[in-house]
PDB file of N, CA and C in Angstrom:
ATOM      1  N   MET A   1     -14.356 -38.294  69.770  1.00  0.00           N
ATOM      2  CA  MET A   1     -14.347 -36.826  69.359  1.00  0.00           C
ATOM      3  C   MET A   1     -13.868 -36.719  68.152  1.00  0.00           C
ATOM      4  N   GLY A   2     -12.948 -37.646  67.458  1.00  0.00           N
ATOM      5  CA  GLY A   2     -12.511 -37.619  66.081  1.00  0.00           C
ATOM      6  C   GLY A   2     -13.592 -37.735  65.183  1.00  0.00           C
ATOM      7  N   LYS A   3     -14.621 -38.742  65.504  1.00  0.00           N
ATOM      8  CA  LYS A   3     -15.567 -39.109  64.521  1.00  0.00           C
ATOM      9  C   LYS A   3     -16.629 -37.941  64.534  1.00  0.00           C
ATOM     10  N   LEU A   4     -16.926 -37.180  65.731  1.00  0.00           N
ATOM     11  CA  LEU A   4     -17.648 -36.060  65.705  1.00  0.00           C
ATOM     12  C   LEU A   4     -17.099 -34.952  64.803  1.00  0.00           C
ATOM     13  N   PHE A   5     -15.883 -34.669  64.775  1.00  0.00           N
ATOM     14  CA  PHE A   5     -15.091 -33.739  63.958  1.00  0.00           C
ATOM     15  C   PHE A   5     -15.215 -34.162  62.478  1.00  0.00           C
ATOM     16  N   SER A   6     -15.000 -35.513  62.184  1.00  0.00           N
ATOM     17  CA  SER A   6     -15.184 -35.950  60.832  1.00  0.00           C
ATOM     18  C   SER A   6     -16.528 -35.538  60.287  1.00  0.00           C
ATOM     19  N   LEU A   7     -17.680 -35.974  61.061  1.00  0.00           N
ATOM     20  CA  LEU A   7     -18.864 -35.661  60.593  1.00  0.00           C
ATOM     21  C   LEU A   7     -19.289 -34.376  60.327  1.00  0.00           C
ATOM     22  N   ILE A   8     -18.722 -33.459  61.305  1.00  0.00           N
ATOM     23  CA  ILE A   8     -18.996 -31.963  61.122  1.00  0.00           C
ATOM     24  C   ILE A   8     -18.374 -31.543  59.643  1.00  0.00           C
ATOM     25  N   VAL A   9     -17.032 -31.929  59.469  1.00  0.00           N
ATOM     26  CA  VAL A   9     -16.304 -31.595  58.192  1.00  0.00           C
ATOM     27  C   VAL A   9     -17.104 -32.231  57.012  1.00  0.00           C
ATOM     28  N   ILE A  10     -17.480 -33.439  57.089  1.00  0.00           N
ATOM     29  CA  ILE A  10     -18.321 -34.007  56.000  1.00  0.00           C
ATOM     30  C   ILE A  10     -19.694 -33.212  55.766  1.00  0.00           C
ATOM     31  N   ALA A  11     -20.357 -32.849  56.769  1.00  0.00           N
ATOM     32  CA  ALA A  11     -21.459 -32.154  56.710  1.00  0.00           C
ATOM     33  C   ALA A  11     -21.173 -30.767  56.162  1.00  0.00           C
ATOM     34  N   GLY A  12     -20.189 -30.010  56.560  1.00  0.00           N
ATOM     35  CA  GLY A  12     -19.784 -28.691  56.015  1.00  0.00           C
ATOM     36  C   GLY A  12     -19.544 -28.707  54.570  1.00  0.00           C
ATOM     37  N   LEU A  13     -18.790 -29.931  54.064  1.00  0.00           N
ATOM     38  CA  LEU A  13     -18.411 -29.880  52.806  1.00  0.00           C
ATOM     39  C   LEU A  13     -19.771 -30.272  51.952  1.00  0.00           C
ATOM     40  N   ALA A  14     -20.627 -31.071  52.419  1.00  0.00           N
ATOM     41  CA  ALA A  14     -21.774 -31.347  51.642  1.00  0.00           C
ATOM     42  C   ALA A  14     -22.707 -30.005  51.475  1.00  0.00           C
ATOM     43  N   TYR A  15     -22.758 -29.274  52.712  1.00  0.00           N
ATOM     44  CA  TYR A  15     -23.602 -28.036  52.593  1.00  0.00           C
ATOM     45  C   TYR A  15     -22.827 -27.065  51.544  1.00  0.00           C
ATOM     46  N   GLY A  16     -21.561 -26.931  51.622  1.00  0.00           N
ATOM     47  CA  GLY A  16     -20.632 -25.973  50.750  1.00  0.00           C
ATOM     48  C   GLY A  16     -21.098 -26.418  49.242  1.00  0.00           C
ATOM     49  N   GLY A  17     -20.961 -27.725  48.922  1.00  0.00           N
ATOM     50  CA  GLY A  17     -21.418 -28.106  47.618  1.00  0.00           C
ATOM     51  C   GLY A  17     -22.813 -27.735  47.222  1.00  0.00           C
ATOM     52  N   LEU A  18     -23.757 -27.944  48.163  1.00  0.00           N
ATOM     53  CA  LEU A  18     -25.112 -27.608  47.994  1.00  0.00           C
ATOM     54  C   LEU A  18     -25.147 -26.110  47.680  1.00  0.00           C
ATOM     55  N   TYR A  19     -24.655 -25.272  48.566  1.00  0.00           N
ATOM     56  CA  TYR A  19     -24.702 -23.805  48.406  1.00  0.00           C
ATOM     57  C   TYR A  19     -24.105 -23.385  47.046  1.00  0.00           C
ATOM     58  N   PHE A  20     -22.958 -23.994  46.566  1.00  0.00           N
ATOM     59  CA  PHE A  20     -22.657 -23.583  45.376  1.00  0.00           C
ATOM     60  C   PHE A  20     -23.430 -23.992  44.127  1.00  0.00           C
ATOM     61  N   TYR A  21     -23.909 -25.308  44.277  1.00  0.00           N
ATOM     62  CA  TYR A  21     -24.758 -25.572  43.101  1.00  0.00           C
ATOM     63  C   TYR A  21     -26.079 -24.953  43.072  1.00  0.00           C
ATOM     64  N   TYR A  22     -26.469 -24.708  44.338  1.00  0.00           N
ATOM     65  CA  TYR A  22     -27.892 -23.681  44.425  1.00  0.00           C
ATOM     66  C   TYR A  22     -27.560 -22.354  43.668  1.00  0.00           C
ATOM     67  N   GLY A  23     -26.465 -21.736  43.775  1.00  0.00           N
ATOM     68  CA  GLY A  23     -26.245 -20.498  43.143  1.00  0.00           C
ATOM     69  C   GLY A  23     -26.157 -20.758  41.625  1.00  0.00           C
ATOM     70  N   MET A  24     -25.409 -21.816  41.195  1.00  0.00           N
ATOM     71  CA  MET A  24     -25.479 -21.945  39.817  1.00  0.00           C
ATOM     72  C   MET A  24     -26.970 -22.352  39.027  1.00  0.00           C
ATOM     73  N   SER A  25     -27.638 -23.058  39.988  1.00  0.00           N
ATOM     74  CA  SER A  25     -28.948 -23.259  39.444  1.00  0.00           C
ATOM     75  C   SER A  25     -29.816 -21.891  39.499  1.00  0.00           C
ATOM     76  N   ILE A  26     -29.685 -21.194  40.359  1.00  0.00           N
ATOM     77  CA  ILE A  26     -30.362 -19.825  40.235  1.00  0.00           C
ATOM     78  C   ILE A  26     -29.963 -19.058  39.118  1.00  0.00           C
ATOM     79  N   GLN A  27     -28.654 -18.942  39.045  1.00  0.00           N
ATOM     80  CA  GLN A  27     -28.144 -18.176  37.913  1.00  0.00           C
ATOM     81  C   GLN A  27     -28.648 -18.582  36.421  1.00  0.00           C
ATOM     82  N   GLY A  28     -28.657 -20.064  36.460  1.00  0.00           N
ATOM     83  CA  GLY A  28     -29.173 -20.490  35.089  1.00  0.00           C
ATOM     84  C   GLY A  28     -30.729 -20.335  34.928  1.00  0.00           C
ATOM     85  N   LEU A  29     -31.503 -20.515  36.080  1.00  0.00           N
ATOM     86  CA  LEU A  29     -32.835 -20.077  35.732  1.00  0.00           C
ATOM     87  C   LEU A  29     -33.148 -18.626  35.362  1.00  0.00           C
ATOM     88  N   ILE A  30     -32.391 -17.785  36.025  1.00  0.00           N
ATOM     89  CA  ILE A  30     -32.555 -16.326  35.562  1.00  0.00           C
ATOM     90  C   ILE A  30     -32.164 -16.338  34.229  1.00  0.00           C
ATOM     91  N   GLU A  31     -31.146 -16.829  33.857  1.00  0.00           N
ATOM     92  CA  GLU A  31     -30.640 -16.554  32.409  1.00  0.00           C
ATOM     93  C   GLU A  31     -31.653 -17.172  31.515  1.00  0.00           C
ATOM     94  N   GLU A  32     -32.274 -18.359  31.706  1.00  0.00           N
ATOM     95  CA  GLU A  32     -33.258 -18.923  30.961  1.00  0.00           C
ATOM     96  C   GLU A  32     -34.534 -18.021  30.891  1.00  0.00           C
ATOM     97  N   GLN A  33     -35.060 -17.432  31.905  1.00  0.00           N
ATOM     98  CA  GLN A  33     -36.267 -16.564  32.005  1.00  0.00           C
ATOM     99  C   GLN A  33     -35.799 -15.223  31.003  1.00  0.00           C
ATOM    100  N   VAL A  34     -34.614 -14.656  31.282  1.00  0.00           N
ATOM    101  CA  VAL A  34     -34.273 -13.534  30.464  1.00  0.00           C
ATOM    102  C   VAL A  34     -34.229 -13.872  28.980  1.00  0.00           C
ATOM    103  N   ASP A  35     -33.852 -15.044  28.557  1.00  0.00           N
ATOM    104  CA  ASP A  35     -33.906 -15.436  27.134  1.00  0.00           C
ATOM    105  C   ASP A  35     -35.301 -15.694  26.802  1.00  0.00           C
ATOM    106  N   ASP A  36     -36.109 -16.158  27.608  1.00  0.00           N
ATOM    107  CA  ASP A  36     -37.613 -16.433  27.300  1.00  0.00           C
ATOM    108  C   ASP A  36     -38.381 -15.066  26.985  1.00  0.00           C
ATOM    109  N   PHE A  37     -37.895 -14.076  27.738  1.00  0.00           N
ATOM    110  CA  PHE A  37     -38.449 -12.747  27.594  1.00  0.00           C
ATOM    111  C   PHE A  37     -37.935 -11.988  26.429  1.00  0.00           C
ATOM    112  N   GLY A  38     -37.020 -12.551  25.594  1.00  0.00           N
ATOM    113  CA  GLY A  38     -36.309 -12.016  24.490  1.00  0.00           C
ATOM    114  C   GLY A  38     -35.335 -10.968  24.628  1.00  0.00           C
ATOM    115  N   LEU A  39     -34.736 -11.125  25.964  1.00  0.00           N
ATOM    116  CA  LEU A  39     -33.592 -10.045  26.251  1.00  0.00           C
ATOM    117  C   LEU A  39     -32.356 -10.888  26.296  1.00  0.00           C
ATOM    118  N   GLY A  40     -31.979 -11.460  25.289  1.00  0.00           N
ATOM    119  CA  GLY A  40     -30.770 -12.225  25.078  1.00  0.00           C
ATOM    120  C   GLY A  40     -29.389 -11.384  25.327  1.00  0.00           C
ATOM    121  N   GLY A  41     -29.533 -10.014  25.288  1.00  0.00           N
ATOM    122  CA  GLY A  41     -28.450  -9.064  25.294  1.00  0.00           C
ATOM    123  C   GLY A  41     -28.110  -9.003  26.877  1.00  0.00           C
ATOM    124  N   LEU A  42     -29.079  -9.198  27.639  1.00  0.00           N
ATOM    125  CA  LEU A  42     -29.024  -8.901  29.191  1.00  0.00           C
ATOM    126  C   LEU A  42     -28.003 -10.154  29.719  1.00  0.00           C
ATOM    127  N   GLU A  43     -26.946  -9.734  30.410  1.00  0.00           N
ATOM    128  CA  GLU A  43     -26.090 -10.697  31.055  1.00  0.00           C
ATOM    129  C   GLU A  43     -26.001 -10.850  32.496  1.00  0.00           C
ATOM    130  N   VAL A  44     -26.249 -11.897  32.965  1.00  0.00           N
ATOM    131  CA  VAL A  44     -26.258 -12.062  34.467  1.00  0.00           C
ATOM    132  C   VAL A  44     -24.766 -12.149  35.043  1.00  0.00           C
ATOM    133  N   GLN A  45     -24.407 -11.245  35.922  1.00  0.00           N
ATOM    134  CA  GLN A  45     -22.890 -11.331  36.140  1.00  0.00           C
ATOM    135  C   GLN A  45     -22.827 -12.160  37.492  1.00  0.00           C
ATOM    136  N   GLY A  46     -24.007 -12.177  38.356  1.00  0.00           N
ATOM    137  CA  GLY A  46     -23.847 -12.964  39.612  1.00  0.00           C
ATOM    138  C   GLY A  46     -25.089 -12.869  40.330  1.00  0.00           C
ATOM    139  N   VAL A  47     -25.110 -13.789  41.369  1.00  0.00           N
ATOM    140  CA  VAL A  47     -26.300 -13.725  42.094  1.00  0.00           C
ATOM    141  C   VAL A  47     -25.825 -13.830  43.517  1.00  0.00           C
ATOM    142  N   GLN A  48     -26.635 -13.040  44.446  1.00  0.00           N
ATOM    143  CA  GLN A  48     -26.374 -13.071  45.905  1.00  0.00           C
ATOM    144  C   GLN A  48     -27.599 -13.660  46.558  1.00  0.00           C
ATOM    145  N   TYR A  49     -27.292 -14.473  47.521  1.00  0.00           N
ATOM    146  CA  TYR A  49     -28.574 -15.067  48.392  1.00  0.00           C
ATOM    147  C   TYR A  49     -27.926 -15.363  49.758  1.00  0.00           C
ATOM    148  N   ASP A  50     -28.825 -15.632  50.698  1.00  0.00           N
ATOM    149  CA  ASP A  50     -28.451 -15.926  52.168  1.00  0.00           C
ATOM    150  C   ASP A  50     -27.958 -17.231  52.228  1.00  0.00           C
ATOM    151  N   LEU A  51     -27.226 -17.372  53.387  1.00  0.00           N
ATOM    152  CA  LEU A  51     -26.398 -18.617  53.653  1.00  0.00           C
ATOM    153  C   LEU A  51     -27.432 -19.713  53.772  1.00  0.00           C
ATOM    154  N   MET A  52     -28.612 -19.337  54.332  1.00  0.00           N
ATOM    155  CA  MET A  52     -29.534 -20.573  54.552  1.00  0.00           C
ATOM    156  C   MET A  52     -30.491 -20.657  53.361  1.00  0.00           C
ATOM    157  N   ALA A  53     -30.378 -19.990  52.320  1.00  0.00           N
ATOM    158  CA  ALA A  53     -31.328 -20.266  51.184  1.00  0.00           C
ATOM    159  C   ALA A  53     -31.347 -21.471  50.599  1.00  0.00           C
ATOM    160  N   PRO A  54     -30.203 -22.286  50.467  1.00  0.00           N
ATOM    161  CA  PRO A  54     -30.524 -23.717  50.079  1.00  0.00           C
ATOM    162  C   PRO A  54     -31.498 -24.503  50.887  1.00  0.00           C
ATOM    163  N   LEU A  55     -31.675 -24.247  51.988  1.00  0.00           N
ATOM    164  CA  LEU A  55     -32.480 -25.032  52.899  1.00  0.00           C
ATOM    165  C   LEU A  55     -33.987 -24.602  52.962  1.00  0.00           C
ATOM    166  N   LYS A  56     -34.329 -23.600  52.163  1.00  0.00           N
ATOM    167  CA  LYS A  56     -35.667 -22.936  52.042  1.00  0.00           C
ATOM    168  C   LYS A  56     -36.218 -23.254  50.772  1.00  0.00           C
ATOM    169  N   THR A  57     -37.669 -23.192  50.516  1.00  0.00           N
ATOM    170  CA  THR A  57     -38.252 -23.339  49.339  1.00  0.00           C
ATOM    171  C   THR A  57     -38.810 -22.171  48.762  1.00  0.00           C
ATOM    172  N   GLU A  58     -38.646 -20.892  49.583  1.00  0.00           N
ATOM    173  CA  GLU A  58     -39.035 -19.632  49.162  1.00  0.00           C
ATOM    174  C   GLU A  58     -38.063 -18.720  49.882  1.00  0.00           C
ATOM    175  N   THR A  59     -37.281 -17.885  48.910  1.00  0.00           N
ATOM    176  CA  THR A  59     -36.330 -17.090  49.423  1.00  0.00           C
ATOM    177  C   THR A  59     -36.085 -15.899  48.537  1.00  0.00           C
ATOM    178  N   ASN A  60     -35.401 -14.835  48.944  1.00  0.00           N
ATOM    179  CA  ASN A  60     -35.133 -13.687  48.119  1.00  0.00           C
ATOM    180  C   ASN A  60     -33.647 -13.764  47.614  1.00  0.00           C
ATOM    181  N   VAL A  61     -33.488 -13.578  46.271  1.00  0.00           N
ATOM    182  CA  VAL A  61     -32.030 -13.409  45.821  1.00  0.00           C
ATOM    183  C   VAL A  61     -31.844 -12.052  45.178  1.00  0.00           C
ATOM    184  N   SER A  62     -30.505 -11.611  45.016  1.00  0.00           N
ATOM    185  CA  SER A  62     -30.250 -10.469  44.042  1.00  0.00           C
ATOM    186  C   SER A  62     -29.413 -10.905  42.948  1.00  0.00           C
ATOM    187  N   ALA A  63     -29.696 -10.184  41.842  1.00  0.00           N
ATOM    188  CA  ALA A  63     -29.032 -10.625  40.650  1.00  0.00           C
ATOM    189  C   ALA A  63     -28.416  -9.345  40.048  1.00  0.00           C
ATOM    190  N   ASN A  64     -27.055  -9.521  39.796  1.00  0.00           N
ATOM    191  CA  ASN A  64     -26.345  -8.325  39.064  1.00  0.00           C
ATOM    192  C   ASN A  64     -26.489  -8.512  37.624  1.00  0.00           C
ATOM    193  N   VAL A  65     -27.068  -7.726  36.911  1.00  0.00           N
ATOM    194  CA  VAL A  65     -27.126  -7.805  35.454  1.00  0.00           C
ATOM    195  C   VAL A  65     -26.474  -6.578  34.773  1.00  0.00           C
ATOM    196  N   ILE A  66     -26.026  -6.843  33.466  1.00  0.00           N
ATOM    197  CA  ILE A  66     -25.549  -5.907  32.492  1.00  0.00           C
ATOM    198  C   ILE A  66     -26.358  -5.827  31.194  1.00  0.00           C
ATOM    199  N   TYR A  67     -26.749  -4.674  30.871  1.00  0.00           N
ATOM    200  CA  TYR A  67     -27.308  -4.584  29.477  1.00  0.00           C
ATOM    201  C   TYR A  67     -26.739  -3.338  28.808  1.00  0.00           C
ATOM    202  N   ARG A  68     -26.129  -3.549  27.760  1.00  0.00           N
ATOM    203  CA  ARG A  68     -25.583  -2.501  26.967  1.00  0.00           C
ATOM    204  C   ARG A  68     -24.900  -1.443  27.760  1.00  0.00           C
ATOM    205  N   GLY A  69     -24.032  -1.751  28.633  1.00  0.00           N
ATOM    206  CA  GLY A  69     -23.289  -0.780  29.497  1.00  0.00           C
ATOM    207  C   GLY A  69     -23.980  -0.394  30.751  1.00  0.00           C
ATOM    208  N   ALA A  70     -25.239  -0.566  30.919  1.00  0.00           N
ATOM    209  CA  ALA A  70     -26.010  -0.193  32.024  1.00  0.00           C
ATOM    210  C   ALA A  70     -25.860  -1.566  33.011  1.00  0.00           C
ATOM    211  N   GLU A  71     -25.600  -1.201  34.389  1.00  0.00           N
ATOM    212  CA  GLU A  71     -25.486  -2.234  35.324  1.00  0.00           C
ATOM    213  C   GLU A  71     -26.695  -2.096  36.298  1.00  0.00           C
ATOM    214  N   ALA A  72     -27.239  -3.118  36.764  1.00  0.00           N
ATOM    215  CA  ALA A  72     -28.451  -3.037  37.600  1.00  0.00           C
ATOM    216  C   ALA A  72     -28.412  -4.155  38.525  1.00  0.00           C
ATOM    217  N   THR A  73     -28.981  -4.079  39.653  1.00  0.00           N
ATOM    218  CA  THR A  73     -29.323  -5.185  40.724  1.00  0.00           C
ATOM    219  C   THR A  73     -30.736  -5.400  40.867  1.00  0.00           C
ATOM    220  N   LEU A  74     -31.106  -6.504  40.606  1.00  0.00           N
ATOM    221  CA  LEU A  74     -32.534  -6.851  40.558  1.00  0.00           C
ATOM    222  C   LEU A  74     -32.814  -7.919  41.741  1.00  0.00           C
ATOM    223  N   ASP A  75     -33.950  -7.482  42.556  1.00  0.00           N
ATOM    224  CA  ASP A  75     -34.487  -8.377  43.703  1.00  0.00           C
ATOM    225  C   ASP A  75     -35.396  -9.398  43.080  1.00  0.00           C
ATOM    226  N   ILE A  76     -35.216 -10.572  43.201  1.00  0.00           N
ATOM    227  CA  ILE A  76     -35.957 -11.645  42.835  1.00  0.00           C
ATOM    228  C   ILE A  76     -36.430 -12.505  43.861  1.00  0.00           C
ATOM    229  N   ARG A  77     -37.675 -12.956  43.878  1.00  0.00           N
ATOM    230  CA  ARG A  77     -38.260 -13.839  44.721  1.00  0.00           C
ATOM    231  C   ARG A  77     -38.389 -15.168  44.141  1.00  0.00           C
ATOM    232  N   VAL A  78     -37.658 -16.264  44.962  1.00  0.00           N
ATOM    233  CA  VAL A  78     -37.731 -17.587  44.279  1.00  0.00           C
ATOM    234  C   VAL A  78     -38.876 -18.495  45.038  1.00  0.00           C
ATOM    235  N   HIS A  79     -39.886 -19.054  44.272  1.00  0.00           N
ATOM    236  CA  HIS A  79     -40.747 -19.889  44.935  1.00  0.00           C
ATOM    237  C   HIS A  79     -40.366 -21.353  44.403  1.00  0.00           C
ATOM    238  N   GLY A  80     -40.189 -22.196  45.257  1.00  0.00           N
ATOM    239  CA  GLY A  80     -39.699 -23.675  44.961  1.00  0.00           C
ATOM    240  C   GLY A  80     -38.306 -23.588  45.018  1.00  0.00           C
ATOM    241  N   HIS A  81     -37.697 -24.921  44.912  1.00  0.00           N
ATOM    242  CA  HIS A  81     -36.292 -25.101  45.160  1.00  0.00           C
ATOM    243  C   HIS A  81     -35.746 -25.568  43.858  1.00  0.00           C
ATOM    244  N   PRO A  82     -34.619 -24.631  43.373  1.00  0.00           N
ATOM    245  CA  PRO A  82     -34.115 -25.035  42.081  1.00  0.00           C
ATOM    246  C   PRO A  82     -33.305 -26.274  41.914  1.00  0.00           C
ATOM    247  N   VAL A  83     -32.930 -26.853  42.948  1.00  0.00           N
ATOM    248  CA  VAL A  83     -32.164 -28.171  43.038  1.00  0.00           C
ATOM    249  C   VAL A  83     -33.124 -29.297  43.222  1.00  0.00           C
ATOM    250  N   PHE A  84     -34.139 -29.227  44.095  1.00  0.00           N
ATOM    251  CA  PHE A  84     -34.993 -30.543  44.597  1.00  0.00           C
ATOM    252  C   PHE A  84     -36.214 -30.356  43.862  1.00  0.00           C
ATOM    253  N   SER A  85     -36.847 -29.240  43.347  1.00  0.00           N
ATOM    254  CA  SER A  85     -38.254 -29.067  42.827  1.00  0.00           C
ATOM    255  C   SER A  85     -38.092 -29.225  41.290  1.00  0.00           C
ATOM    256  N   ASP A  86     -39.316 -29.720  40.795  1.00  0.00           N
ATOM    257  CA  ASP A  86     -39.566 -29.605  39.434  1.00  0.00           C
ATOM    258  C   ASP A  86     -39.951 -28.251  38.999  1.00  0.00           C
ATOM    259  N   GLU A  87     -40.838 -27.651  39.680  1.00  0.00           N
ATOM    260  CA  GLU A  87     -41.402 -26.375  39.302  1.00  0.00           C
ATOM    261  C   GLU A  87     -40.823 -25.264  40.229  1.00  0.00           C
ATOM    262  N   VAL A  88     -40.201 -24.342  39.623  1.00  0.00           N
ATOM    263  CA  VAL A  88     -39.676 -23.061  40.300  1.00  0.00           C
ATOM    264  C   VAL A  88     -40.283 -22.026  39.628  1.00  0.00           C
ATOM    265  N   GLN A  89     -40.596 -21.035  40.492  1.00  0.00           N
ATOM    266  CA  GLN A  89     -41.156 -19.741  39.893  1.00  0.00           C
ATOM    267  C   GLN A  89     -40.202 -18.511  40.513  1.00  0.00           C
ATOM    268  N   LEU A  90     -39.957 -17.497  39.428  1.00  0.00           N
ATOM    269  CA  LEU A  90     -39.174 -16.500  39.770  1.00  0.00           C
ATOM    270  C   LEU A  90     -40.126 -15.324  39.677  1.00  0.00           C
ATOM    271  N   GLU A  91     -40.177 -14.275  40.498  1.00  0.00           N
ATOM    272  CA  GLU A  91     -40.912 -13.166  40.533  1.00  0.00           C
ATOM    273  C   GLU A  91     -39.858 -11.915  40.831  1.00  0.00           C
ATOM    274  N   LEU A  92     -39.959 -10.918  39.881  1.00  0.00           N
ATOM    275  CA  LEU A  92     -39.220  -9.781  39.905  1.00  0.00           C
ATOM    276  C   LEU A  92     -39.795  -8.865  41.022  1.00  0.00           C
ATOM    277  N   GLY A  93     -38.984  -8.575  41.973  1.00  0.00           N
ATOM    278  CA  GLY A  93     -39.387  -7.816  43.162  1.00  0.00           C
ATOM    279  C   GLY A  93     -39.181  -6.373  43.042  1.00  0.00           C
ATOM    280  N   GLY A  94     -38.054  -6.020  42.284  1.00  0.00           N
ATOM    281  CA  GLY A  94     -37.859  -4.706  41.945  1.00  0.00           C
ATOM    282  C   GLY A  94     -36.298  -4.425  41.624  1.00  0.00           C
ATOM    283  N   LEU A  95     -36.061  -3.175  41.322  1.00  0.00           N
ATOM    284  CA  LEU A  95     -34.737  -2.675  40.833  1.00  0.00           C
ATOM    285  C   LEU A  95     -34.047  -2.085  42.073  1.00  0.00           C
ATOM    286  N   GLN A  96     -32.998  -2.594  42.581  1.00  0.00           N
ATOM    287  CA  GLN A  96     -32.251  -2.201  43.762  1.00  0.00           C
ATOM    288  C   GLN A  96     -31.236  -0.921  43.295  1.00  0.00           C
ATOM    289  N   ALA A  97     -30.536  -1.134  42.289  1.00  0.00           N
ATOM    290  CA  ALA A  97     -29.445  -0.055  41.904  1.00  0.00           C
ATOM    291  C   ALA A  97     -29.348  -0.205  40.332  1.00  0.00           C
ATOM    292  N   LEU A  98     -29.187   0.929  39.837  1.00  0.00           N
ATOM    293  CA  LEU A  98     -29.005   1.187  38.501  1.00  0.00           C
ATOM    294  C   LEU A  98     -27.777   2.132  38.217  1.00  0.00           C
ATOM    295  N   GLN A  99     -26.897   1.620  37.444  1.00  0.00           N
ATOM    296  CA  GLN A  99     -25.721   2.469  37.097  1.00  0.00           C
ATOM    297  C   GLN A  99     -25.502   2.528  35.631  1.00  0.00           C
ATOM    298  N   VAL A 100     -25.600   3.656  35.144  1.00  0.00           N
ATOM    299  CA  VAL A 100     -25.497   3.859  33.555  1.00  0.00           C
ATOM    300  C   VAL A 100     -24.030   4.650  33.368  1.00  0.00           C
ATOM    301  N   THR A 101     -23.354   4.186  32.348  1.00  0.00           N
ATOM    302  CA  THR A 101     -22.128   4.816  31.918  1.00  0.00           C
ATOM    303  C   THR A 101     -22.358   5.578  30.739  1.00  0.00           C
ATOM    304  N   ILE A 102     -22.059   6.948  30.760  1.00  0.00           N
ATOM    305  CA  ILE A 102     -22.452   7.824  29.696  1.00  0.00           C
ATOM    306  C   ILE A 102     -21.024   8.250  29.062  1.00  0.00           C
ATOM    307  N   GLY A 103     -21.077   8.335  27.875  1.00  0.00           N
ATOM    308  CA  GLY A 103     -19.668   8.709  27.191  1.00  0.00           C
ATOM    309  C   GLY A 103     -18.713   7.634  26.906  1.00  0.00           C
ATOM    310  N   ALA A 104     -17.772   7.874  26.248  1.00  0.00           N
ATOM    311  CA  ALA A 104     -16.810   7.099  25.806  1.00  0.00           C
ATOM    312  C   ALA A 104     -15.289   7.467  26.222  1.00  0.00           C
ATOM    313  N   GLY A 105     -14.516   6.547  26.827  1.00  0.00           N
ATOM    314  CA  GLY A 105     -13.178   6.979  27.112  1.00  0.00           C
ATOM    315  C   GLY A 105     -12.249   6.418  26.161  1.00  0.00           C
ATOM    316  N   ASN A 106     -11.009   6.881  26.216  1.00  0.00           N
ATOM    317  CA  ASN A 106      -9.893   6.545  25.040  1.00  0.00           C
ATOM    318  C   ASN A 106      -9.281   5.428  25.620  1.00  0.00           C
TER     319      ASN A 106
END
């Protein structure tokens, strides 16, 4: 029973590391694509994805971005695996939410 528990803990730690690294890879790819489009002022704040996304080669992610005070959430479709594939394609699916701050505070 102790060996089974140890195996479960090790598998959980390995998957946790893969999940974290997957998120870092996706965020890096999005930032790279943004720079390639000439939108260097666009800042990627974070990326959300499914718990099982690191096990799939095609998945949907949401990226929170900021550009000159405007915040938006983008739906992005990922083709390929950012950790294990050499070729990964990102497709912009749509704009989920847009929040614009107007005016200046003291």
